[in-house]
């Protein structure tokens, strides 16, 4: 007997993601329904599934999910049909090794609500939202505001509650002081993605406005 996956899985998956497997047992020439499939990470059992269908000379599980590791890097699973007895017949073990890699979740960043024009050295407020590609909670994470020179001129902490109407766009309002020079401005917001439960990639976004000299009285 031998094992195969009913459908391919990507070689790289996000950290902590649910990897969906469906396993076939080939060349058995018998109905193995009720048989057990195991997924091992080294010596640790991380998932089990049951063979539920027999057709066209192969046995198959339903789809089932296995959680990927929460750290970035290569990892291996062994999908196995362990030694077992089904309907009074003893079957030997067969196995299928899998080698995958985990990658950080991506993030996307948006900036809105900033006024233009802005009086020089006046206060202005922007809204910043960050979303995880894995819909992970980002509440408590930090964002930074940089001016055109790269200097940090402001910071904020993403809230725990997502923006209304979304499931994972975490946001915050940041108060800033306008520049001391007039003319077009291009500032940058950065999400550093540090100290999160699952690794994420950072992201940046730019926003612009016009700084004007207050009218003389």
Protein backbone atom coordinates (compact mmCIF):
# COMPACT_ATOMS: atom_id res chain seq x y z
CA UNK A 1 0.00 0.00 0.00
CA UNK A 2 1.03 3.61 -0.39
CA UNK A 3 -0.30 7.03 0.59
CA UNK A 4 -0.91 10.18 -1.42
CA UNK A 5 -2.63 13.52 -0.89
CA UNK A 6 -5.92 13.91 -2.73
CA UNK A 7 -4.92 17.46 -3.64
CA UNK A 8 -1.57 19.25 -3.44
CA UNK A 9 -0.72 21.63 -0.63
CA UNK A 10 1.51 24.70 -1.03
CA UNK A 11 5.15 24.29 0.01
CA UNK A 12 4.94 27.48 2.09
CA UNK A 13 2.16 28.34 4.53
CA UNK A 14 1.63 31.17 7.04
CA UNK A 15 2.73 30.52 10.61
CA UNK A 16 -0.02 28.96 12.70
CA UNK A 17 -2.25 28.45 9.65
CA UNK A 18 -4.65 25.53 9.26
CA UNK A 19 -3.25 23.24 6.55
CA UNK A 20 -6.04 21.19 4.97
CA UNK A 21 -5.18 17.60 4.11
CA UNK A 22 -7.13 14.80 2.47
CA UNK A 23 -5.33 11.45 2.41
CA UNK A 24 -5.73 8.47 0.09
CA UNK A 25 -4.57 4.91 0.63
CA UNK A 26 -3.74 3.32 -2.71
CA UNK A 27 -3.15 -0.28 -3.80
CA UNK A 28 -5.03 -1.76 -0.85
CA UNK A 29 -7.64 -3.52 -3.03
CA UNK A 30 -9.89 -3.71 0.03
CA UNK A 31 -12.40 -1.53 1.82
CA UNK A 32 -10.49 0.13 4.66
CA UNK A 33 -13.28 2.36 5.91
CA UNK A 34 -12.90 2.98 9.62
CA UNK A 35 -9.12 2.76 9.35
CA UNK A 36 -6.96 5.40 11.01
CA UNK A 37 -4.61 7.96 9.48
CA UNK A 38 -2.15 9.81 11.70
CA UNK A 39 -0.06 12.95 11.19
CA UNK A 40 3.18 13.00 13.17
CA UNK A 41 5.59 15.86 13.87
CA UNK A 42 8.63 13.90 14.96
CA UNK A 43 7.38 11.66 17.76
CA UNK A 44 4.34 13.86 18.48
CA UNK A 45 0.89 13.00 17.16
CA UNK A 46 -0.62 16.25 15.82
CA UNK A 47 -3.77 15.02 14.02
CA UNK A 48 -5.81 11.93 13.23
CA UNK A 49 -8.40 11.20 10.56
CA UNK A 50 -10.58 8.24 9.59
CA UNK A 51 -10.88 6.59 6.21
CA UNK A 52 -14.50 7.18 5.27
CA UNK A 53 -14.81 6.32 1.59
CA UNK A 54 -13.79 3.44 -0.66
CA UNK A 55 -14.04 3.78 -4.42
CA UNK A 56 -12.03 3.14 -7.58
CA UNK A 57 -9.63 0.92 -5.64
CA UNK A 58 -8.55 3.59 -3.16
CA UNK A 59 -9.64 4.61 0.32
CA UNK A 60 -9.89 8.25 1.36
CA UNK A 61 -10.39 10.50 4.37
CA UNK A 62 -12.53 13.61 4.49
CA UNK A 63 -10.64 16.89 4.51
CA UNK A 64 -9.12 17.67 7.90
CA UNK A 65 -6.97 20.52 9.19
CA UNK A 66 -3.54 20.39 10.82
CA UNK A 67 -2.15 23.51 12.47
CA UNK A 68 1.24 24.66 11.15
CA UNK A 69 4.00 25.60 13.63
CA UNK A 70 3.97 29.12 15.05
CA UNK A 71 7.62 29.84 14.28
CA UNK A 72 9.15 30.66 10.89
CA UNK A 73 11.20 27.98 9.14
CA UNK A 74 11.17 24.54 7.55
CA UNK A 75 9.27 21.71 9.23
CA UNK A 76 8.33 18.11 8.48
CA UNK A 77 5.25 15.99 9.03
CA UNK A 78 4.82 12.28 8.44
CA UNK A 79 1.38 11.17 7.27
CA UNK A 80 1.04 7.51 8.16
CA UNK A 81 -1.32 4.58 8.01
CA UNK A 82 -0.17 2.85 11.21
CA UNK A 83 -0.11 -0.88 11.74
CA UNK A 84 -3.71 -1.79 12.50
CA UNK A 85 -6.43 -4.38 12.12
CA UNK A 86 -9.57 -3.65 10.10
CA UNK A 87 -12.40 -6.20 9.88
CA UNK A 88 -10.14 -8.91 11.23
CA UNK A 89 -7.33 -8.29 8.73
CA UNK A 90 -3.94 -6.99 9.89
CA UNK A 91 -2.29 -4.28 7.78
CA UNK A 92 1.30 -3.09 7.84
CA UNK A 93 2.30 0.53 8.24
CA UNK A 94 2.94 2.88 5.29
CA UNK A 95 3.97 6.52 5.41
CA UNK A 96 4.20 9.69 3.37
CA UNK A 97 6.75 12.34 4.45
CA UNK A 98 5.90 16.03 3.92
CA UNK A 99 8.36 18.92 4.10
CA UNK A 100 6.92 22.43 4.27
CA UNK A 101 7.97 25.89 5.33
CA UNK A 102 6.22 28.54 7.39
CA UNK A 103 6.36 32.24 6.53
CA UNK A 104 5.25 35.35 8.46
CA UNK A 105 1.79 36.73 7.84
CA UNK A 106 1.70 39.80 5.60
CA UNK A 107 0.17 43.09 6.70
CA UNK A 108 -1.44 45.96 4.85
CA UNK A 109 -1.70 49.51 6.12
CA UNK A 110 -4.10 52.35 5.31
CA UNK A 111 -4.17 56.03 6.30
CA UNK A 112 -7.22 58.24 6.09
CA UNK A 113 -8.90 61.28 7.57
CA UNK A 114 -5.96 63.67 7.36
CA UNK A 115 -6.78 67.31 6.45
CA UNK A 116 -5.25 69.33 3.65
CA UNK A 117 -4.20 72.09 3.67
CA UNK A 118 -2.66 72.18 7.14
CA UNK A 119 -1.41 75.34 8.78
CA UNK A 120 2.26 75.23 9.67
CA UNK A 121 2.80 73.97 13.23
CA UNK A 122 -0.94 73.37 13.70
CA UNK A 123 -2.25 70.11 15.12
CA UNK A 124 -3.66 67.50 12.74
CA UNK A 125 -5.13 64.05 13.31
CA UNK A 126 -4.90 61.01 11.05
CA UNK A 127 -6.47 57.55 11.32
CA UNK A 128 -4.29 54.52 10.70
CA UNK A 129 -5.54 50.97 10.13
CA UNK A 130 -3.54 47.74 9.84
CA UNK A 131 -4.83 44.36 8.66
CA UNK A 132 -3.21 40.92 8.94
CA UNK A 133 -3.40 38.55 5.97
CA UNK A 134 -4.34 35.84 8.46
CA UNK A 135 -6.98 38.01 10.17
CA UNK A 136 -4.87 37.88 13.35
CA UNK A 137 -5.61 40.24 16.22
CA UNK A 138 -3.22 43.21 16.11
CA UNK A 139 -4.57 45.17 19.06
CA UNK A 140 -1.79 46.66 21.19
CA UNK A 141 0.73 46.77 18.34
CA UNK A 142 2.60 50.00 17.63
CA UNK A 143 2.67 52.23 14.55
CA UNK A 144 5.11 55.08 13.88
CA UNK A 145 4.84 58.27 11.84
CA UNK A 146 7.93 59.54 9.98
CA UNK A 147 8.39 62.90 8.29
CA UNK A 148 10.11 63.44 4.94
CA UNK A 149 13.55 63.13 6.59
CA UNK A 150 12.72 59.78 8.18
CA UNK A 151 12.54 61.18 11.70
CA UNK A 152 9.85 59.74 13.98
CA UNK A 153 7.35 62.49 14.74
CA UNK A 154 4.51 60.47 16.25
CA UNK A 155 3.33 57.04 17.30
CA UNK A 156 0.15 55.21 18.20
CA UNK A 157 -1.15 51.91 19.57
CA UNK A 158 -3.68 49.91 17.57
CA UNK A 159 -6.97 49.35 19.39
CA UNK A 160 -8.36 45.96 20.33
CA UNK A 161 -11.67 46.50 18.48
CA UNK A 162 -11.58 46.35 14.65
CA UNK A 163 -12.95 49.18 12.53
CA UNK A 164 -16.77 48.92 12.21
CA UNK A 165 -17.83 46.66 9.37
CA UNK A 166 -14.49 44.80 9.25
CA UNK A 167 -13.32 41.68 11.06
CA UNK A 168 -9.64 42.46 11.49
CA UNK A 169 -8.76 46.06 10.54
CA UNK A 170 -7.26 47.35 13.78
CA UNK A 171 -6.92 51.12 13.96
CA UNK A 172 -5.94 54.15 15.97
CA UNK A 173 -6.03 57.93 15.67
CA UNK A 174 -2.75 59.80 15.93
CA UNK A 175 -2.38 63.51 16.70
CA UNK A 176 0.56 65.23 15.01
CA UNK A 177 2.07 68.67 14.70
CA UNK A 178 2.25 70.19 11.24
CA UNK A 179 5.64 70.98 9.67
CA UNK A 180 7.51 74.23 10.14
CA UNK A 181 7.94 74.69 6.38
CA UNK A 182 5.19 75.35 3.86
CA UNK A 183 4.53 73.44 0.66
CA UNK A 184 3.74 69.83 -0.32
CA UNK A 185 4.54 67.24 2.35
CA UNK A 186 4.94 63.46 2.11
CA UNK A 187 4.98 61.59 5.40
CA UNK A 188 5.13 57.85 6.05
CA UNK A 189 3.37 55.51 8.46
CA UNK A 190 5.22 52.32 9.46
CA UNK A 191 3.91 49.18 11.13
CA UNK A 192 6.94 47.46 12.65
CA UNK A 193 5.11 44.20 13.52
CA UNK A 194 7.17 43.49 16.65
CA UNK A 195 6.10 41.53 19.76
CA UNK A 196 3.11 39.84 18.14
CA UNK A 197 1.91 36.36 19.09
CA UNK A 198 2.52 35.16 15.51
CA UNK A 199 5.31 36.56 13.29
CA UNK A 200 4.21 39.21 10.78
CA UNK A 201 5.92 41.29 8.14
CA UNK A 202 5.86 45.04 8.61
CA UNK A 203 4.27 47.44 6.14
CA UNK A 204 4.34 51.13 5.28
CA UNK A 205 2.08 53.69 3.65
CA UNK A 206 2.57 57.30 2.64
CA UNK A 207 0.18 60.20 2.98
CA UNK A 208 0.52 63.73 1.71
CA UNK A 209 -0.89 67.18 2.35
CA UNK A 210 -0.13 70.83 1.73
CA UNK A 211 1.32 72.94 4.55
CA UNK A 212 0.39 76.61 4.37
CA UNK A 213 1.57 79.70 6.20
CA UNK A 214 -1.18 81.05 8.48
CA UNK A 215 -2.58 84.33 7.19
CA UNK A 216 -1.17 87.40 8.84
CA UNK A 217 -3.54 89.46 10.94
